[in-house]
Amino acid sequence: MVENQFSRKMKIFYSDNDGEFIKLRPILAARGISHFTTAPHTPQQNGTVERRHRHIVNTGMALLHHASAPSTY
């Protein structure tokens, strides 16, 4: 979990308007996390979320590589 790994509380969660993320709103709100989404019917904004997601994945992969973790992770 983000709070455990970085000793920081998650404040904001960005996503597109896909159903699996919308269903998380009550859970996020209960933990005081703001949930922002892209505007509906604007696929050109999906790039924003995709870039953020790619950054997170790339950071995780770099951390795993630096830790000499097996590539299966």
PDB file of N, CA and C in Angstrom:
ATOM      1  N   MET A   1       0.842  -1.177   0.000  1.00  0.00           N
ATOM      2  CA  MET A   1       0.000   0.000   0.000  1.00  0.00           C
ATOM      3  C   MET A   1       0.890   1.244   0.000  1.00  0.00           C
ATOM      4  N   VAL A   2       0.425   2.296  -0.627  1.00  0.00           N
ATOM      5  CA  VAL A   2       1.213   3.522  -0.781  1.00  0.00           C
ATOM      6  C   VAL A   2       1.622   4.097   0.569  1.00  0.00           C
ATOM      7  N   GLU A   3       0.679   4.124   1.512  1.00  0.00           N
ATOM      8  CA  GLU A   3       0.986   4.708   2.818  1.00  0.00           C
ATOM      9  C   GLU A   3       2.096   3.942   3.525  1.00  0.00           C
ATOM     10  N   ASN A   4       2.128   2.640   3.368  1.00  0.00           N
ATOM     11  CA  ASN A   4       3.136   1.826   4.040  1.00  0.00           C
ATOM     12  C   ASN A   4       4.508   1.970   3.390  1.00  0.00           C
ATOM     13  N   GLN A   5       4.550   2.018   2.067  1.00  0.00           N
ATOM     14  CA  GLN A   5       5.830   2.045   1.379  1.00  0.00           C
ATOM     15  C   GLN A   5       6.526   3.392   1.502  1.00  0.00           C
ATOM     16  N   PHE A   6       5.777   4.477   1.396  1.00  0.00           N
ATOM     17  CA  PHE A   6       6.387   5.797   1.383  1.00  0.00           C
ATOM     18  C   PHE A   6       6.124   6.616   2.640  1.00  0.00           C
ATOM     19  N   SER A   7       5.460   6.042   3.608  1.00  0.00           N
ATOM     20  CA  SER A   7       5.105   6.743   4.852  1.00  0.00           C
ATOM     21  C   SER A   7       4.388   8.054   4.564  1.00  0.00           C
ATOM     22  N   ARG A   8       3.558   8.045   3.548  1.00  0.00           N
ATOM     23  CA  ARG A   8       2.771   9.215   3.159  1.00  0.00           C
ATOM     24  C   ARG A   8       1.332   8.789   2.936  1.00  0.00           C
ATOM     25  N   LYS A   9       0.404   9.674   3.255  1.00  0.00           N
ATOM     26  CA  LYS A   9      -1.001   9.393   3.018  1.00  0.00           C
ATOM     27  C   LYS A   9      -1.368   9.809   1.599  1.00  0.00           C
ATOM     28  N   MET A  10      -2.078   8.944   0.898  1.00  0.00           N
ATOM     29  CA  MET A  10      -2.540   9.283  -0.445  1.00  0.00           C
ATOM     30  C   MET A  10      -3.600  10.364  -0.319  1.00  0.00           C
ATOM     31  N   LYS A  11      -3.473  11.423  -1.119  1.00  0.00           N
ATOM     32  CA  LYS A  11      -4.410  12.535  -1.056  1.00  0.00           C
ATOM     33  C   LYS A  11      -5.339  12.593  -2.260  1.00  0.00           C
ATOM     34  N   ILE A  12      -4.803  12.256  -3.437  1.00  0.00           N
ATOM     35  CA  ILE A  12      -5.558  12.393  -4.678  1.00  0.00           C
ATOM     36  C   ILE A  12      -5.397  11.132  -5.517  1.00  0.00           C
ATOM     37  N   PHE A  13      -6.494  10.697  -6.141  1.00  0.00           N
ATOM     38  CA  PHE A  13      -6.483   9.549  -7.040  1.00  0.00           C
ATOM     39  C   PHE A  13      -7.076  10.008  -8.370  1.00  0.00           C
ATOM     40  N   TYR A  14      -6.294   9.924  -9.456  1.00  0.00           N
ATOM     41  CA  TYR A  14      -6.746  10.297 -10.792  1.00  0.00           C
ATOM     42  C   TYR A  14      -7.094   9.041 -11.577  1.00  0.00           C
ATOM     43  N   SER A  15      -8.197   9.099 -12.332  1.00  0.00           N
ATOM     44  CA  SER A  15      -8.559   7.969 -13.190  1.00  0.00           C
ATOM     45  C   SER A  15      -9.433   8.456 -14.327  1.00  0.00           C
ATOM     46  N   ASP A  16      -9.716   7.539 -15.265  1.00  0.00           N
ATOM     47  CA  ASP A  16     -10.696   7.864 -16.290  1.00  0.00           C
ATOM     48  C   ASP A  16     -12.077   7.531 -15.714  1.00  0.00           C
ATOM     49  N   ASN A  17     -13.113   7.659 -16.498  1.00  0.00           N
ATOM     50  CA  ASN A  17     -14.475   7.419 -16.005  1.00  0.00           C
ATOM     51  C   ASN A  17     -14.899   5.965 -16.128  1.00  0.00           C
ATOM     52  N   ASP A  18     -13.955   5.050 -16.075  1.00  0.00           N
ATOM     53  CA  ASP A  18     -14.279   3.640 -16.190  1.00  0.00           C
ATOM     54  C   ASP A  18     -14.965   3.144 -14.920  1.00  0.00           C
ATOM     55  N   GLY A  19     -15.810   2.150 -15.064  1.00  0.00           N
ATOM     56  CA  GLY A  19     -16.652   1.674 -13.972  1.00  0.00           C
ATOM     57  C   GLY A  19     -15.915   1.182 -12.744  1.00  0.00           C
ATOM     58  N   GLU A  20     -14.780   0.485 -12.947  1.00  0.00           N
ATOM     59  CA  GLU A  20     -14.097  -0.069 -11.774  1.00  0.00           C
ATOM     60  C   GLU A  20     -13.545   1.016 -10.851  1.00  0.00           C
ATOM     61  N   PHE A  21     -13.221   2.176 -11.411  1.00  0.00           N
ATOM     62  CA  PHE A  21     -12.705   3.253 -10.573  1.00  0.00           C
ATOM     63  C   PHE A  21     -13.823   4.049  -9.919  1.00  0.00           C
ATOM     64  N   ILE A  22     -14.946   4.196 -10.620  1.00  0.00           N
ATOM     65  CA  ILE A  22     -16.084   4.924 -10.066  1.00  0.00           C
ATOM     66  C   ILE A  22     -16.615   4.191  -8.832  1.00  0.00           C
ATOM     67  N   LYS A  23     -16.588   2.867  -8.863  1.00  0.00           N
ATOM     68  CA  LYS A  23     -17.070   2.080  -7.722  1.00  0.00           C
ATOM     69  C   LYS A  23     -16.194   2.258  -6.490  1.00  0.00           C
ATOM     70  N   LEU A  24     -14.974   2.759  -6.669  1.00  0.00           N
ATOM     71  CA  LEU A  24     -14.068   2.979  -5.539  1.00  0.00           C
ATOM     72  C   LEU A  24     -14.346   4.286  -4.793  1.00  0.00           C
ATOM     73  N   ARG A  25     -15.173   5.147  -5.357  1.00  0.00           N
ATOM     74  CA  ARG A  25     -15.404   6.463  -4.750  1.00  0.00           C
ATOM     75  C   ARG A  25     -15.777   6.421  -3.270  1.00  0.00           C
ATOM     76  N   PRO A  26     -16.725   5.565  -2.849  1.00  0.00           N
ATOM     77  CA  PRO A  26     -17.065   5.544  -1.415  1.00  0.00           C
ATOM     78  C   PRO A  26     -15.877   5.130  -0.534  1.00  0.00           C
ATOM     79  N   ILE A  27     -15.085   4.199  -1.021  1.00  0.00           N
ATOM     80  CA  ILE A  27     -13.923   3.739  -0.257  1.00  0.00           C
ATOM     81  C   ILE A  27     -12.892   4.856  -0.153  1.00  0.00           C
ATOM     82  N   LEU A  28     -12.638   5.522  -1.276  1.00  0.00           N
ATOM     83  CA  LEU A  28     -11.670   6.620  -1.281  1.00  0.00           C
ATOM     84  C   LEU A  28     -12.150   7.765  -0.393  1.00  0.00           C
ATOM     85  N   ALA A  29     -13.430   8.106  -0.492  1.00  0.00           N
ATOM     86  CA  ALA A  29     -13.981   9.201   0.317  1.00  0.00           C
ATOM     87  C   ALA A  29     -13.894   8.884   1.808  1.00  0.00           C
ATOM     88  N   ALA A  30     -14.129   7.630   2.169  1.00  0.00           N
ATOM     89  CA  ALA A  30     -14.064   7.242   3.579  1.00  0.00           C
ATOM     90  C   ALA A  30     -12.655   7.413   4.141  1.00  0.00           C
ATOM     91  N   ARG A  31     -11.660   7.358   3.268  1.00  0.00           N
ATOM     92  CA  ARG A  31     -10.268   7.520   3.698  1.00  0.00           C
ATOM     93  C   ARG A  31      -9.745   8.932   3.464  1.00  0.00           C
ATOM     94  N   GLY A  32     -10.624   9.846   3.036  1.00  0.00           N
ATOM     95  CA  GLY A  32     -10.230  11.229   2.829  1.00  0.00           C
ATOM     96  C   GLY A  32      -9.415  11.456   1.569  1.00  0.00           C
ATOM     97  N   ILE A  33      -9.573  10.584   0.569  1.00  0.00           N
ATOM     98  CA  ILE A  33      -8.823  10.686  -0.683  1.00  0.00           C
ATOM     99  C   ILE A  33      -9.735  11.288  -1.748  1.00  0.00           C
ATOM    100  N   SER A  34      -9.286  12.363  -2.388  1.00  0.00           N
ATOM    101  CA  SER A  34     -10.045  12.987  -3.469  1.00  0.00           C
ATOM    102  C   SER A  34      -9.894  12.156  -4.732  1.00  0.00           C
ATOM    103  N   HIS A  35     -11.005  11.975  -5.450  1.00  0.00           N
ATOM    104  CA  HIS A  35     -10.991  11.199  -6.690  1.00  0.00           C
ATOM    105  C   HIS A  35     -11.355  12.123  -7.842  1.00  0.00           C
ATOM    106  N   PHE A  36     -10.414  12.313  -8.771  1.00  0.00           N
ATOM    107  CA  PHE A  36     -10.641  13.144  -9.940  1.00  0.00           C
ATOM    108  C   PHE A  36     -10.651  12.262 -11.173  1.00  0.00           C
ATOM    109  N   THR A  37     -11.564  12.565 -12.106  1.00  0.00           N
ATOM    110  CA  THR A  37     -11.664  11.795 -13.339  1.00  0.00           C
ATOM    111  C   THR A  37     -11.560  12.729 -14.539  1.00  0.00           C
ATOM    112  N   THR A  38     -11.262  12.139 -15.683  1.00  0.00           N
ATOM    113  CA  THR A  38     -11.272  12.907 -16.914  1.00  0.00           C
ATOM    114  C   THR A  38     -12.720  13.202 -17.288  1.00  0.00           C
ATOM    115  N   ALA A  39     -12.913  14.179 -18.155  1.00  0.00           N
ATOM    116  CA  ALA A  39     -14.263  14.536 -18.587  1.00  0.00           C
ATOM    117  C   ALA A  39     -14.867  13.384 -19.396  1.00  0.00           C
ATOM    118  N   PRO A  40     -16.172  13.123 -19.231  1.00  0.00           N
ATOM    119  CA  PRO A  40     -16.788  12.031 -19.983  1.00  0.00           C
ATOM    120  C   PRO A  40     -16.799  12.308 -21.488  1.00  0.00           C
ATOM    121  N   HIS A  41     -16.707  11.258 -22.271  1.00  0.00           N
ATOM    122  CA  HIS A  41     -16.771  11.315 -23.730  1.00  0.00           C
ATOM    123  C   HIS A  41     -15.633  12.144 -24.334  1.00  0.00           C
ATOM    124  N   THR A  42     -14.483  12.134 -23.692  1.00  0.00           N
ATOM    125  CA  THR A  42     -13.311  12.840 -24.211  1.00  0.00           C
ATOM    126  C   THR A  42     -12.126  11.882 -24.189  1.00  0.00           C
ATOM    127  N   PRO A  43     -12.054  10.969 -25.154  1.00  0.00           N
ATOM    128  CA  PRO A  43     -10.966   9.993 -25.151  1.00  0.00           C
ATOM    129  C   PRO A  43      -9.591  10.641 -25.277  1.00  0.00           C
ATOM    130  N   GLN A  44      -9.538  11.873 -25.800  1.00  0.00           N
ATOM    131  CA  GLN A  44      -8.243  12.538 -25.902  1.00  0.00           C
ATOM    132  C   GLN A  44      -7.650  12.825 -24.534  1.00  0.00           C
ATOM    133  N   GLN A  45      -8.462  12.861 -23.480  1.00  0.00           N
ATOM    134  CA  GLN A  45      -7.941  13.082 -22.136  1.00  0.00           C
ATOM    135  C   GLN A  45      -7.408  11.803 -21.504  1.00  0.00           C
ATOM    136  N   ASN A  46      -7.681  10.658 -22.088  1.00  0.00           N
ATOM    137  CA  ASN A  46      -7.167   9.413 -21.528  1.00  0.00           C
ATOM    138  C   ASN A  46      -5.647   9.411 -21.493  1.00  0.00           C
ATOM    139  N   GLY A  47      -5.019  10.186 -22.346  1.00  0.00           N
ATOM    140  CA  GLY A  47      -3.564  10.276 -22.357  1.00  0.00           C
ATOM    141  C   GLY A  47      -3.003  10.740 -21.035  1.00  0.00           C
ATOM    142  N   THR A  48      -3.707  11.634 -20.353  1.00  0.00           N
ATOM    143  CA  THR A  48      -3.257  12.134 -19.059  1.00  0.00           C
ATOM    144  C   THR A  48      -3.156  10.991 -18.060  1.00  0.00           C
ATOM    145  N   VAL A  49      -4.200  10.211 -17.959  1.00  0.00           N
ATOM    146  CA  VAL A  49      -4.209   9.085 -17.027  1.00  0.00           C
ATOM    147  C   VAL A  49      -3.197   8.035 -17.458  1.00  0.00           C
ATOM    148  N   GLU A  50      -3.118   7.786 -18.755  1.00  0.00           N
ATOM    149  CA  GLU A  50      -2.172   6.784 -19.251  1.00  0.00           C
ATOM    150  C   GLU A  50      -0.731   7.177 -18.953  1.00  0.00           C
ATOM    151  N   ARG A  51      -0.389   8.447 -19.105  1.00  0.00           N
ATOM    152  CA  ARG A  51       0.976   8.902 -18.797  1.00  0.00           C
ATOM    153  C   ARG A  51       1.281   8.737 -17.314  1.00  0.00           C
ATOM    154  N   ARG A  52       0.322   9.077 -16.474  1.00  0.00           N
ATOM    155  CA  ARG A  52       0.536   8.908 -15.035  1.00  0.00           C
ATOM    156  C   ARG A  52       0.700   7.438 -14.680  1.00  0.00           C
ATOM    157  N   HIS A  53      -0.132   6.592 -15.275  1.00  0.00           N
ATOM    158  CA  HIS A  53      -0.042   5.152 -15.019  1.00  0.00           C
ATOM    159  C   HIS A  53       1.308   4.616 -15.497  1.00  0.00           C
ATOM    160  N   ARG A  54       1.751   5.031 -16.701  1.00  0.00           N
ATOM    161  CA  ARG A  54       3.030   4.575 -17.230  1.00  0.00           C
ATOM    162  C   ARG A  54       4.176   5.002 -16.318  1.00  0.00           C
ATOM    163  N   HIS A  55       4.088   6.217 -15.771  1.00  0.00           N
ATOM    164  CA  HIS A  55       5.132   6.688 -14.857  1.00  0.00           C
ATOM    165  C   HIS A  55       5.201   5.799 -13.611  1.00  0.00           C
ATOM    166  N   ILE A  56       4.051   5.461 -13.062  1.00  0.00           N
ATOM    167  CA  ILE A  56       4.007   4.617 -11.863  1.00  0.00           C
ATOM    168  C   ILE A  56       4.584   3.236 -12.166  1.00  0.00           C
ATOM    169  N   VAL A  57       4.194   2.662 -13.305  1.00  0.00           N
ATOM    170  CA  VAL A  57       4.694   1.335 -13.681  1.00  0.00           C
ATOM    171  C   VAL A  57       6.204   1.386 -13.897  1.00  0.00           C
ATOM    172  N   ASN A  58       6.677   2.395 -14.618  1.00  0.00           N
ATOM    173  CA  ASN A  58       8.114   2.507 -14.871  1.00  0.00           C
ATOM    174  C   ASN A  58       8.907   2.691 -13.583  1.00  0.00           C
ATOM    175  N   THR A  59       8.381   3.461 -12.654  1.00  0.00           N
ATOM    176  CA  THR A  59       9.044   3.651 -11.367  1.00  0.00           C
ATOM    177  C   THR A  59       9.120   2.330 -10.615  1.00  0.00           C
ATOM    178  N   GLY A  60       8.016   1.587 -10.612  1.00  0.00           N
ATOM    179  CA  GLY A  60       8.012   0.279  -9.955  1.00  0.00           C
ATOM    180  C   GLY A  60       8.998  -0.684 -10.578  1.00  0.00           C
ATOM    181  N   MET A  61       9.058  -0.691 -11.904  1.00  0.00           N
ATOM    182  CA  MET A  61      10.006  -1.573 -12.585  1.00  0.00           C
ATOM    183  C   MET A  61      11.450  -1.187 -12.265  1.00  0.00           C
ATOM    184  N   ALA A  62      11.729   0.111 -12.190  1.00  0.00           N
ATOM    185  CA  ALA A  62      13.080   0.563 -11.848  1.00  0.00           C
ATOM    186  C   ALA A  62      13.445   0.151 -10.425  1.00  0.00           C
ATOM    187  N   LEU A  63      12.487   0.253  -9.499  1.00  0.00           N
ATOM    188  CA  LEU A  63      12.746  -0.148  -8.114  1.00  0.00           C
ATOM    189  C   LEU A  63      13.016  -1.655  -8.029  1.00  0.00           C
ATOM    190  N   LEU A  64      12.237  -2.443  -8.766  1.00  0.00           N
ATOM    191  CA  LEU A  64      12.454  -3.887  -8.770  1.00  0.00           C
ATOM    192  C   LEU A  64      13.821  -4.232  -9.368  1.00  0.00           C
ATOM    193  N   HIS A  65      14.195  -3.555 -10.436  1.00  0.00           N
ATOM    194  CA  HIS A  65      15.490  -3.813 -11.056  1.00  0.00           C
ATOM    195  C   HIS A  65      16.618  -3.437 -10.107  1.00  0.00           C
ATOM    196  N   HIS A  66      16.496  -2.304  -9.450  1.00  0.00           N
ATOM    197  CA  HIS A  66      17.526  -1.840  -8.517  1.00  0.00           C
ATOM    198  C   HIS A  66      17.662  -2.808  -7.339  1.00  0.00           C
ATOM    199  N   ALA A  67      16.550  -3.436  -6.942  1.00  0.00           N
ATOM    200  CA  ALA A  67      16.573  -4.378  -5.827  1.00  0.00           C
ATOM    201  C   ALA A  67      17.006  -5.779  -6.270  1.00  0.00           C
ATOM    202  N   SER A  68      17.341  -5.928  -7.552  1.00  0.00           N
ATOM    203  CA  SER A  68      17.725  -7.225  -8.120  1.00  0.00           C
ATOM    204  C   SER A  68      16.641  -8.283  -7.939  1.00  0.00           C
ATOM    205  N   ALA A  69      15.402  -7.865  -8.025  1.00  0.00           N
ATOM    206  CA  ALA A  69      14.284  -8.793  -7.910  1.00  0.00           C
ATOM    207  C   ALA A  69      14.148  -9.592  -9.208  1.00  0.00           C
ATOM    208  N   PRO A  70      13.663 -10.818  -9.139  1.00  0.00           N
ATOM    209  CA  PRO A  70      13.479 -11.606 -10.353  1.00  0.00           C
ATOM    210  C   PRO A  70      12.500 -10.920 -11.318  1.00  0.00           C
ATOM    211  N   SER A  71      12.705 -11.127 -12.593  1.00  0.00           N
ATOM    212  CA  SER A  71      11.858 -10.467 -13.602  1.00  0.00           C
ATOM    213  C   SER A  71      10.408 -10.957 -13.558  1.00  0.00           C
ATOM    214  N   THR A  72      10.140 -12.051 -12.867  1.00  0.00           N
ATOM    215  CA  THR A  72       8.769 -12.543 -12.765  1.00  0.00           C
ATOM    216  C   THR A  72       7.883 -11.620 -11.942  1.00  0.00           C
ATOM    217  N   TYR A  73       8.481 -10.770 -11.139  1.00  0.00           N
ATOM    218  CA  TYR A  73       7.702  -9.813 -10.357  1.00  0.00           C
ATOM    219  C   TYR A  73       7.322  -8.652 -11.227  1.00  0.00           C
TER     220      TYR A  73
END
